[in-house]
Structure formats: structure tokens, C-alpha cells
Amino acid sequence: MENQQKELRHVKAISLETFITLAVIVGLFTYLGSVMGIDKVFSVMMKTGFDVLINTSFYIMAVAILAGAVAAILSEFGVIALINKIISPVMRPLFGLPGAAALGATVTYISDNPAILSLAEDEGFSKYFTKAEKATFTNLGTTFGMGLIVTAYMLSLGSEYFMAVLIGNIGAFLGGVVSVRLMLRSAKKYYNESPKERVVVEHDEQGETRVIRNGGVFERFMSAMMEGAKSGVSLGLACASGTVLICTFVMILTFGPAGENGEYLGVAYEGVKLLPTIGQYFLPVARVLWGFDNAEVLAYPFTALGAVGSAMGMTQGFIDQGLANAQTVAVFTGMGICMSGFLSTHIGMLDTLKQNQFVKQAILFQLIGGLCAGVFANYLFILLG
């Protein structure tokens, strides 16, 4: 509560931003009302929001609960530690980071981007990194954040998407290499570190021990499962508000009228088709980079910038309407994991790490990494498909 109060400021009660905000709101609803009819606008908003809440938000929550339970069990019984050991050797050649960074990647993959912040505060973890390498924590955490949730959701769409989801994960990994490498290069210039400068640690204890719960195997299993499931509920609730709000407006700006003759019926998922109209100008580029054949699906990467939970909630709708296929799912998975809604977390994470000087670079490089993740996933799918 104290932190929230410190962040608040006193400003003039009525200022220029007051009128700008009012003009934007009035302009938006005037535009929507002129196309759909003002009565239809509110009907569509309410029905779309309700349907997204019931059929998408709660579905994502269910996935998060199951994934959280599994992740906690894997962590409790050392499977995560094993994965950490396996991927540690590739961190320096690929990401330019010490093997300890694998722990950050693993922890964020099974949870969310900010999970790396708790590790950053741990001296036993941070001692392996130079100042420049620590500046990559935000990009590294975002690269893998929400990975398990996105993967589980995409797999739940059908067994035919298994290979696509696997390729998407590889795409996200490679996109993360781009993002972290660019951030590391920029940070080394800022701190004037030599390209090969590293921290020398006398004895590497990272990953040699792990903390477990008290009790026997069965008690630990049940405790880990229930605590993991509770974390899934918290994550699901945290995603719900953004999913309903963002999905509702994105859907209204994406889809068209539901009536056979182009009339508006006031039902869920009607819209004014603004994003597809704008997207038509970018479609030739999107087709080459990501294999998108429809401007409507460009709503996914736009939304994933701020809320990947909202973005992946659109996938089923695109599939049902024939706008997405396995190749699209691969690209969605890669971009969704690598972006992880970084616009909504990057600034806060960098502020926590006291690295606000890297805000512009971190955001730009994560955007580049996310776009590259989609490109990698697209062409890997073509190559392997």
C-alpha cells in the first residue's frame, strides 16, 4: 500500500489530458455508433465481454490451474532442477549469459515474466552476472514468461497442433536469443565492459541443492499440487480483467456484422472490421514474414504486445472461422511466448531492477525478438512440415 501511495502524484484537477481523454472516448463511440448503431454497440460489448469471460477467461484459468499444479510437482521432485542442468551449457554459447541464467529461463517459463525478479534479488543467483548481463534479466524473463501456459493452451486446441506448438516454442527460444543478445550488446557498451568480460566464481553451487517441503512423499506431492493450483487461480484471475477488456475491444475492431445481408444483430463478436482494413496494408509483409493470409489474424501480435492471455484467447475464434491453421498456431505460439505482453511488464520490471535507463532498448529489442520468433516459427514449420 505504501508503494502505491508513493507512486501517486498530485496534479491539476482539470488539464489538457482531461479533454484529450474525453475527445478519444467520444470519438471512439461516435465512430462505432455510426457504423453499428449506438444501441448495437453496447449490446455487442456486453455480450462479447460475457462470452469472453465464460468461455475464454475461465478456460485460461483452468489451464493455468492444471499447469501450475504440474509445474509445482516438477519443481518439488527435482525435475525442474534436471531441466536446468540440461540447458545450462547452452546459455553462454546462445544467449551470452552464464549457465545460472538457465534457472531464470526455467522459472519464468513455468510462471510469468516477473518471476525472474525474485531470483535477481538473490545474491546466490546474481553473483554469476556482470552489470551488463544483469541488464538482460527483463528480456530473458519475458522471452520465457508464460511459456507453459501458452503451450498448454495451444495444445488444448487439438492433437493436430502438437508439432506446431513444439515449433513455436523453438521459435520463441530463437527470438529470445536475438532479444537478449541485442540487449547484452547495448548494456556492455553502456557499462564499458569488454565483450568477453565475465564474473569469476570460485565454486559454483548454483543448482547443487534445492528446497523441499516437510513431510513424506505423498504429503509433499499433495502440498505442491495444491499450492501450484492456487497459483494458477491467481494467474487466471490476473489475466481475466485484461482478457475481457482487451479481447472485447479487439474483437469489435476485428470482426464484421453477423447478419447475412451485412446488418448488425447486436450479438457477440460483431464489429466494424477496422483492424483488417488497416492490416491489409501490412498483409504482404506479414505473409512473407509469418505466413498470414488474412488481415484479421494480425490482431494476435498486436494484442500479445500487452497481454498474451488476451491474445491466445483469440486463437480458437480464428480457427473456428477458418482464419488460422497449424502454421498460424506455430507462429502464434512463438510470438506469444517471446512477447509475453512485455509492454505491460517491462517498465515495472526494469524499475524494480533499478535499470530504468534501459527502458527504450529493452522494449525495442523485445519487440524485435518477438517478431523474429514468428519468422523463425513460420519458416521452421515450412521446412519441417
Protein backbone atom coordinates (compact mmCIF):
# COMPACT_ATOMS: atom_id res chain seq x y z
CA MET A 1 0.00 0.00 0.00
CA GLU A 2 2.89 2.33 0.82
CA ASN A 3 4.46 1.68 -2.59
CA GLN A 4 1.19 2.54 -4.30
CA GLN A 5 0.92 5.79 -2.34
CA LYS A 6 4.50 6.72 -3.26
CA GLU A 7 3.68 6.26 -6.94
CA LEU A 8 0.72 8.69 -6.77
CA ARG A 9 1.18 12.36 -7.64
CA HIS A 10 -0.93 15.49 -7.24
CA VAL A 11 -1.67 17.32 -10.48
CA LYS A 12 -4.10 20.00 -11.60
CA ALA A 13 -7.68 18.68 -11.31
CA ILE A 14 -8.59 19.60 -14.90
CA SER A 15 -5.82 19.66 -17.51
CA LEU A 16 -5.22 19.13 -21.22
CA GLU A 17 -5.23 15.35 -20.80
CA THR A 18 -8.78 15.59 -19.43
CA PHE A 19 -10.07 16.96 -22.72
CA ILE A 20 -7.93 14.64 -24.81
CA THR A 21 -9.29 11.62 -22.95
CA LEU A 22 -12.86 12.87 -23.35
CA ALA A 23 -12.31 13.50 -27.06
CA VAL A 24 -10.89 10.00 -27.60
CA ILE A 25 -13.78 8.30 -25.79
CA VAL A 26 -16.43 10.38 -27.57
CA GLY A 27 -14.68 9.87 -30.90
CA LEU A 28 -14.43 6.11 -30.44
CA PHE A 29 -18.07 5.59 -29.54
CA THR A 30 -19.21 8.03 -32.20
CA TYR A 31 -17.31 6.01 -34.80
CA LEU A 32 -18.61 2.67 -33.52
CA GLY A 33 -22.16 4.01 -33.24
CA SER A 34 -22.11 5.45 -36.76
CA VAL A 35 -21.19 2.04 -38.18
CA MET A 36 -23.12 -0.35 -35.92
CA GLY A 37 -25.78 1.80 -34.28
CA ILE A 38 -25.22 3.01 -30.74
CA ASP A 39 -27.69 0.51 -29.26
CA LYS A 40 -25.88 -2.35 -31.00
CA VAL A 41 -22.50 -1.14 -29.72
CA PHE A 42 -23.40 -1.64 -26.07
CA SER A 43 -25.23 -4.89 -26.78
CA VAL A 44 -22.20 -6.28 -28.60
CA MET A 45 -19.81 -5.10 -25.88
CA MET A 46 -21.78 -6.70 -23.07
CA LYS A 47 -22.38 -9.99 -24.89
CA THR A 48 -18.84 -10.26 -26.19
CA GLY A 49 -17.37 -9.45 -22.78
CA PHE A 50 -19.60 -12.03 -21.09
CA ASP A 51 -18.75 -14.72 -23.64
CA VAL A 52 -15.02 -14.00 -23.35
CA LEU A 53 -15.24 -14.20 -19.56
CA ILE A 54 -17.12 -17.51 -19.51
CA ASN A 55 -15.59 -19.32 -22.46
CA THR A 56 -12.09 -17.85 -22.62
CA SER A 57 -11.02 -16.40 -19.27
CA PHE A 58 -12.25 -19.34 -17.22
CA TYR A 59 -10.77 -21.71 -19.76
CA ILE A 60 -7.39 -19.99 -19.45
CA MET A 61 -7.76 -20.16 -15.66
CA ALA A 62 -8.42 -23.91 -15.86
CA VAL A 63 -5.30 -24.34 -17.99
CA ALA A 64 -3.30 -22.20 -15.56
CA ILE A 65 -4.51 -24.27 -12.57
CA LEU A 66 -3.52 -27.56 -14.19
CA ALA A 67 -0.22 -26.19 -15.48
CA GLY A 68 0.55 -24.61 -12.11
CA ALA A 69 -0.05 -27.89 -10.30
CA VAL A 70 2.18 -29.82 -12.70
CA ALA A 71 4.91 -27.18 -12.54
CA ALA A 72 4.93 -27.24 -8.71
CA ILE A 73 5.20 -31.04 -8.67
CA LEU A 74 8.05 -30.97 -11.19
CA SER A 75 9.85 -28.39 -9.06
CA GLU A 76 9.26 -30.23 -5.79
CA PHE A 77 10.69 -33.52 -7.03
CA GLY A 78 13.71 -32.15 -8.89
CA VAL A 79 12.55 -32.41 -12.49
CA ILE A 80 12.97 -28.65 -12.96
CA ALA A 81 16.47 -28.92 -11.48
CA LEU A 82 17.24 -31.64 -14.01
CA ILE A 83 15.98 -29.49 -16.88
CA ASN A 84 18.07 -26.63 -15.52
CA LYS A 85 21.19 -28.83 -15.59
CA ILE A 86 20.48 -29.92 -19.15
CA ILE A 87 20.00 -26.45 -20.64
CA SER A 88 22.67 -24.61 -18.58
CA PRO A 89 25.53 -25.48 -21.01
CA VAL A 90 23.77 -23.77 -23.94
CA MET A 91 23.20 -20.44 -22.20
CA ARG A 92 26.68 -19.00 -22.82
CA PRO A 93 27.01 -20.02 -26.50
CA LEU A 94 23.47 -18.93 -27.41
CA PHE A 95 22.50 -16.13 -25.03
CA GLY A 96 25.95 -14.96 -23.95
CA LEU A 97 24.95 -15.48 -20.31
CA PRO A 98 26.30 -17.76 -17.56
CA GLY A 99 24.73 -21.16 -17.01
CA ALA A 100 22.85 -19.82 -13.98
CA ALA A 101 20.59 -17.94 -16.43
CA ALA A 102 19.00 -21.30 -17.24
CA LEU A 103 17.34 -21.18 -13.83
CA GLY A 104 15.77 -17.82 -14.70
CA ALA A 105 14.55 -19.21 -18.01
CA THR A 106 13.06 -22.28 -16.35
CA VAL A 107 11.35 -20.40 -13.53
CA THR A 108 9.74 -17.84 -15.84
CA TYR A 109 8.67 -20.50 -18.35
CA ILE A 110 6.56 -22.24 -15.72
CA SER A 111 5.18 -18.96 -14.34
CA ASP A 112 5.38 -15.38 -15.66
CA ASN A 113 7.91 -12.70 -16.66
CA PRO A 114 8.30 -11.06 -13.19
CA ALA A 115 9.29 -14.41 -11.62
CA ILE A 116 12.89 -13.60 -12.51
CA LEU A 117 12.79 -10.60 -10.16
CA SER A 118 12.89 -12.83 -7.09
CA LEU A 119 15.99 -14.53 -8.46
CA ALA A 120 17.61 -11.20 -9.24
CA GLU A 121 17.31 -10.26 -5.56
CA ASP A 122 19.08 -13.49 -4.55
CA GLU A 123 22.82 -12.92 -4.15
CA GLY A 124 23.42 -16.61 -4.78
CA PHE A 125 21.98 -16.14 -8.26
CA SER A 126 23.04 -12.61 -9.21
CA LYS A 127 26.70 -13.12 -8.29
CA TYR A 128 27.25 -15.01 -11.54
CA PHE A 129 26.39 -11.98 -13.70
CA THR A 130 28.25 -8.80 -14.66
CA LYS A 131 26.36 -5.49 -14.59
CA ALA A 132 25.67 -5.72 -18.31
CA GLU A 133 24.45 -9.30 -18.01
CA LYS A 134 22.08 -8.30 -15.21
CA ALA A 135 20.56 -5.74 -17.57
CA THR A 136 19.26 -8.64 -19.67
CA PHE A 137 17.12 -10.11 -16.86
CA THR A 138 13.97 -8.36 -18.07
CA ASN A 139 14.36 -9.55 -21.66
CA LEU A 140 15.39 -13.04 -20.58
CA GLY A 141 12.39 -13.38 -18.24
CA THR A 142 10.00 -12.07 -20.88
CA THR A 143 11.35 -14.45 -23.52
CA PHE A 144 10.27 -17.46 -21.48
CA GLY A 145 7.45 -15.94 -19.40
CA MET A 146 4.02 -17.57 -19.67
CA GLY A 147 5.63 -20.30 -21.80
CA LEU A 148 3.96 -23.22 -20.09
CA ILE A 149 0.55 -21.51 -20.05
CA VAL A 150 0.68 -20.60 -23.74
CA THR A 151 1.94 -24.08 -24.65
CA ALA A 152 -0.74 -25.83 -22.62
CA TYR A 153 -3.48 -23.64 -24.11
CA MET A 154 -2.34 -24.17 -27.70
CA LEU A 155 -2.05 -27.93 -27.15
CA SER A 156 -5.59 -27.99 -25.78
CA LEU A 157 -6.86 -26.78 -29.18
CA GLY A 158 -6.28 -30.24 -30.64
CA SER A 159 -3.70 -33.00 -31.06
CA GLU A 160 -3.10 -31.92 -34.66
CA TYR A 161 -1.31 -28.83 -33.35
CA PHE A 162 1.33 -30.69 -31.32
CA MET A 163 4.15 -30.24 -33.83
CA ALA A 164 3.10 -26.64 -34.46
CA VAL A 165 3.30 -25.82 -30.74
CA LEU A 166 6.71 -27.51 -30.47
CA ILE A 167 7.99 -25.48 -33.42
CA GLY A 168 6.51 -22.34 -31.86
CA ASN A 169 8.48 -22.96 -28.67
CA ILE A 170 11.68 -23.29 -30.70
CA GLY A 171 10.80 -20.06 -32.49
CA ALA A 172 10.30 -18.28 -29.16
CA PHE A 173 13.66 -19.59 -27.91
CA LEU A 174 15.46 -18.32 -31.01
CA GLY A 175 13.62 -15.00 -30.85
CA GLY A 176 14.79 -14.71 -27.26
CA VAL A 177 18.39 -15.24 -28.35
CA VAL A 178 18.01 -12.22 -30.64
CA SER A 179 16.38 -10.08 -27.92
CA VAL A 180 18.85 -10.95 -25.15
CA ARG A 181 21.92 -10.69 -27.40
CA LEU A 182 20.89 -7.22 -28.59
CA MET A 183 20.21 -6.12 -25.01
CA LEU A 184 23.53 -7.55 -23.81
CA ARG A 185 25.43 -5.77 -26.56
CA SER A 186 23.79 -2.44 -25.69
CA ALA A 187 24.39 -2.89 -21.94
CA LYS A 188 28.06 -3.76 -22.44
CA LYS A 189 28.52 -0.51 -24.34
CA TYR A 190 26.73 1.40 -21.57
CA TYR A 191 28.89 -0.13 -18.80
CA ASN A 192 32.00 -0.13 -20.99
CA GLU A 193 32.53 -3.84 -20.44
CA SER A 194 34.70 -5.81 -22.82
CA PRO A 195 32.79 -8.34 -24.97
CA LYS A 196 34.45 -11.28 -23.18
CA GLU A 197 34.28 -9.93 -19.62
CA ARG A 198 32.80 -12.46 -17.19
CA VAL A 199 32.33 -12.95 -13.45
CA VAL A 200 34.71 -15.48 -11.92
CA VAL A 201 33.14 -17.54 -9.13
CA GLU A 202 35.37 -19.84 -7.11
CA HIS A 203 32.81 -22.58 -6.59
CA ASP A 204 29.54 -22.91 -8.49
CA GLU A 205 26.86 -24.00 -6.04
CA GLN A 206 24.01 -22.91 -8.29
CA GLY A 207 21.58 -25.79 -8.64
CA GLU A 208 23.51 -28.13 -6.30
CA THR A 209 20.74 -28.04 -3.70
CA ARG A 210 17.00 -27.40 -3.72
CA VAL A 211 14.44 -26.58 -1.04
CA ILE A 212 11.64 -29.11 -0.47
CA ARG A 213 8.54 -29.19 1.71
CA ASN A 214 8.35 -31.04 5.00
CA GLY A 215 6.69 -34.46 5.23
CA GLY A 216 6.70 -37.70 3.28
CA VAL A 217 6.49 -38.12 -0.47
CA PHE A 218 2.68 -38.21 -0.51
CA GLU A 219 2.33 -35.13 1.69
CA ARG A 220 4.84 -33.22 -0.41
CA PHE A 221 3.10 -34.30 -3.60
CA MET A 222 -0.32 -33.12 -2.39
CA SER A 223 1.03 -29.89 -0.92
CA ALA A 224 2.94 -29.00 -4.09
CA MET A 225 -0.04 -29.84 -6.29
CA MET A 226 -2.48 -27.73 -4.28
CA GLU A 227 -0.14 -24.75 -3.93
CA GLY A 228 0.63 -24.87 -7.63
CA ALA A 229 -3.07 -25.00 -8.44
CA LYS A 230 -3.70 -21.96 -6.20
CA SER A 231 -1.02 -20.03 -8.06
CA GLY A 232 -2.87 -20.95 -11.26
CA VAL A 233 -6.06 -19.42 -9.85
CA SER A 234 -4.19 -16.19 -9.05
CA LEU A 235 -2.68 -16.08 -12.53
CA GLY A 236 -6.05 -16.82 -14.13
CA LEU A 237 -7.72 -14.03 -12.17
CA ALA A 238 -4.89 -11.66 -13.03
CA CYS A 239 -5.39 -12.43 -16.74
CA ALA A 240 -9.20 -12.23 -16.64
CA SER A 241 -9.59 -8.46 -16.49
CA GLY A 242 -7.18 -7.86 -19.33
CA THR A 243 -8.58 -10.73 -21.37
CA VAL A 244 -12.18 -9.48 -21.14
CA LEU A 245 -11.31 -5.82 -21.70
CA ILE A 246 -8.74 -6.16 -24.46
CA CYS A 247 -10.37 -9.10 -26.25
CA THR A 248 -13.73 -7.31 -26.33
CA PHE A 249 -12.37 -4.17 -27.96
CA VAL A 250 -10.03 -6.06 -30.28
CA MET A 251 -12.90 -8.31 -31.42
CA ILE A 252 -15.11 -5.27 -32.06
CA LEU A 253 -12.35 -3.72 -34.14
CA THR A 254 -11.60 -7.02 -35.93
CA PHE A 255 -14.80 -8.81 -36.99
CA GLY A 256 -17.77 -7.60 -39.06
CA PRO A 257 -21.59 -7.83 -38.88
CA ALA A 258 -23.20 -11.22 -38.22
CA GLY A 259 -26.30 -10.74 -40.40
CA GLU A 260 -26.48 -12.49 -43.76
CA ASN A 261 -27.04 -9.20 -45.56
CA GLY A 262 -24.41 -7.31 -43.61
CA GLU A 263 -26.76 -5.99 -40.93
CA TYR A 264 -25.85 -5.81 -37.26
CA LEU A 265 -27.79 -8.08 -34.90
CA GLY A 266 -26.27 -6.94 -31.61
CA VAL A 267 -24.79 -10.39 -30.88
CA ALA A 268 -21.37 -11.28 -29.53
CA TYR A 269 -18.28 -10.89 -31.72
CA GLU A 270 -19.71 -8.38 -34.17
CA GLY A 271 -17.51 -5.45 -35.10
CA VAL A 272 -16.50 -2.75 -37.54
CA LYS A 273 -13.55 -4.55 -39.24
CA LEU A 274 -11.19 -1.63 -38.66
CA LEU A 275 -8.06 -3.70 -37.90
CA PRO A 276 -8.42 -5.89 -41.02
CA THR A 277 -8.84 -2.76 -43.12
CA ILE A 278 -5.64 -1.29 -41.69
CA GLY A 279 -3.97 -4.70 -41.76
CA GLN A 280 -4.49 -5.03 -45.49
CA TYR A 281 -1.67 -2.55 -45.98
CA PHE A 282 0.68 -4.73 -43.90
CA LEU A 283 -0.58 -8.08 -45.17
CA PRO A 284 2.00 -8.51 -47.96
CA VAL A 285 4.81 -8.11 -45.42
CA ALA A 286 3.01 -10.30 -42.84
CA ARG A 287 2.53 -13.01 -45.47
CA VAL A 288 6.27 -13.12 -46.18
CA LEU A 289 7.36 -12.94 -42.54
CA TRP A 290 4.73 -15.02 -40.76
CA GLY A 291 2.68 -16.72 -43.47
CA PHE A 292 -0.51 -14.81 -42.56
CA ASP A 293 -3.13 -14.95 -45.32
CA ASN A 294 -5.79 -12.91 -43.52
CA ALA A 295 -5.50 -9.41 -42.11
CA GLU A 296 -7.75 -10.36 -39.17
CA VAL A 297 -5.06 -12.52 -37.55
CA LEU A 298 -2.75 -9.52 -37.25
CA ALA A 299 -4.80 -8.72 -34.15
CA TYR A 300 -2.90 -11.51 -32.35
CA PRO A 301 0.60 -9.97 -32.38
CA PHE A 302 -0.80 -6.51 -31.65
CA THR A 303 -2.59 -7.85 -28.57
CA ALA A 304 0.32 -10.08 -27.47
CA LEU A 305 2.40 -6.92 -27.03
CA GLY A 306 0.33 -6.00 -23.98
CA ALA A 307 -1.48 -9.18 -22.87
CA VAL A 308 -0.59 -12.62 -24.18
CA GLY A 309 -3.51 -14.14 -22.26
CA SER A 310 -5.88 -11.97 -24.26
CA ALA A 311 -4.07 -12.78 -27.50
CA MET A 312 -4.13 -16.55 -27.12
CA GLY A 313 -7.82 -16.35 -26.23
CA MET A 314 -8.45 -15.22 -29.83
CA THR A 315 -6.88 -18.31 -31.35
CA GLN A 316 -9.92 -20.58 -31.08
CA GLY A 317 -12.10 -17.95 -32.73
CA PHE A 318 -9.67 -17.61 -35.63
CA ILE A 319 -9.59 -21.38 -36.08
CA ASP A 320 -13.39 -21.67 -35.95
CA GLN A 321 -13.69 -19.03 -38.68
CA GLY A 322 -11.09 -20.72 -40.86
CA LEU A 323 -8.62 -17.85 -40.49
CA ALA A 324 -5.91 -19.90 -38.73
CA ASN A 325 -4.29 -23.29 -39.31
CA ALA A 326 -1.42 -25.27 -37.79
CA GLN A 327 1.16 -22.97 -39.34
CA THR A 328 -0.60 -19.97 -37.82
CA VAL A 329 -0.68 -21.71 -34.42
CA ALA A 330 3.09 -22.25 -34.62
CA VAL A 331 3.63 -18.54 -35.30
CA PHE A 332 1.14 -17.53 -32.59
CA THR A 333 2.90 -19.76 -30.07
CA GLY A 334 6.35 -18.37 -30.88
CA MET A 335 5.30 -14.74 -30.82
CA GLY A 336 3.04 -15.20 -27.79
CA ILE A 337 5.73 -16.74 -25.60
CA CYS A 338 8.53 -14.43 -26.71
CA MET A 339 6.43 -11.26 -26.34
CA SER A 340 4.58 -12.31 -23.17
CA GLY A 341 2.72 -9.00 -23.02
CA PHE A 342 6.02 -7.18 -22.45
CA LEU A 343 4.53 -3.69 -22.79
CA SER A 344 2.60 -4.28 -19.57
CA THR A 345 5.57 -5.63 -17.56
CA HIS A 346 8.86 -4.27 -18.94
CA ILE A 347 8.80 -0.83 -17.32
CA GLY A 348 7.76 -2.18 -13.92
CA MET A 349 10.40 -4.92 -14.03
CA LEU A 350 13.16 -2.51 -15.04
CA ASP A 351 12.10 -0.11 -12.30
CA THR A 352 12.30 -2.92 -9.73
CA LEU A 353 15.77 -3.83 -11.01
CA LYS A 354 16.77 -0.12 -10.92
CA GLN A 355 17.61 -0.20 -14.63
CA ASN A 356 15.24 2.46 -15.96
CA GLN A 357 17.97 3.73 -18.27
CA PHE A 358 17.38 0.67 -20.46
CA VAL A 359 13.61 1.05 -20.94
CA LYS A 360 13.74 2.10 -24.60
CA GLN A 361 16.33 -0.50 -25.56
CA ALA A 362 14.62 -3.33 -23.67
CA ILE A 363 11.24 -2.63 -25.27
CA LEU A 364 12.68 -2.24 -28.77
CA PHE A 365 14.80 -5.40 -28.56
CA GLN A 366 11.94 -7.46 -27.11
CA LEU A 367 9.74 -6.30 -29.99
CA ILE A 368 12.42 -7.33 -32.49
CA GLY A 369 12.84 -10.67 -30.72
CA GLY A 370 9.07 -11.32 -30.76
CA LEU A 371 8.80 -10.51 -34.46
CA CYS A 372 11.80 -12.76 -35.17
CA ALA A 373 10.21 -15.55 -33.12
CA GLY A 374 7.26 -15.50 -35.51
CA VAL A 375 9.57 -15.57 -38.52
CA PHE A 376 11.58 -18.49 -37.12
CA ALA A 377 8.41 -20.43 -36.28
CA ASN A 378 6.92 -19.79 -39.73
CA TYR A 379 9.92 -20.98 -41.73
CA LEU A 380 10.70 -23.87 -39.38
CA PHE A 381 7.13 -25.07 -39.89
CA ILE A 382 7.53 -24.81 -43.67
CA LEU A 383 10.86 -26.61 -43.50
CA LEU A 384 9.73 -29.40 -41.17
CA GLY A 385 6.13 -29.58 -42.34
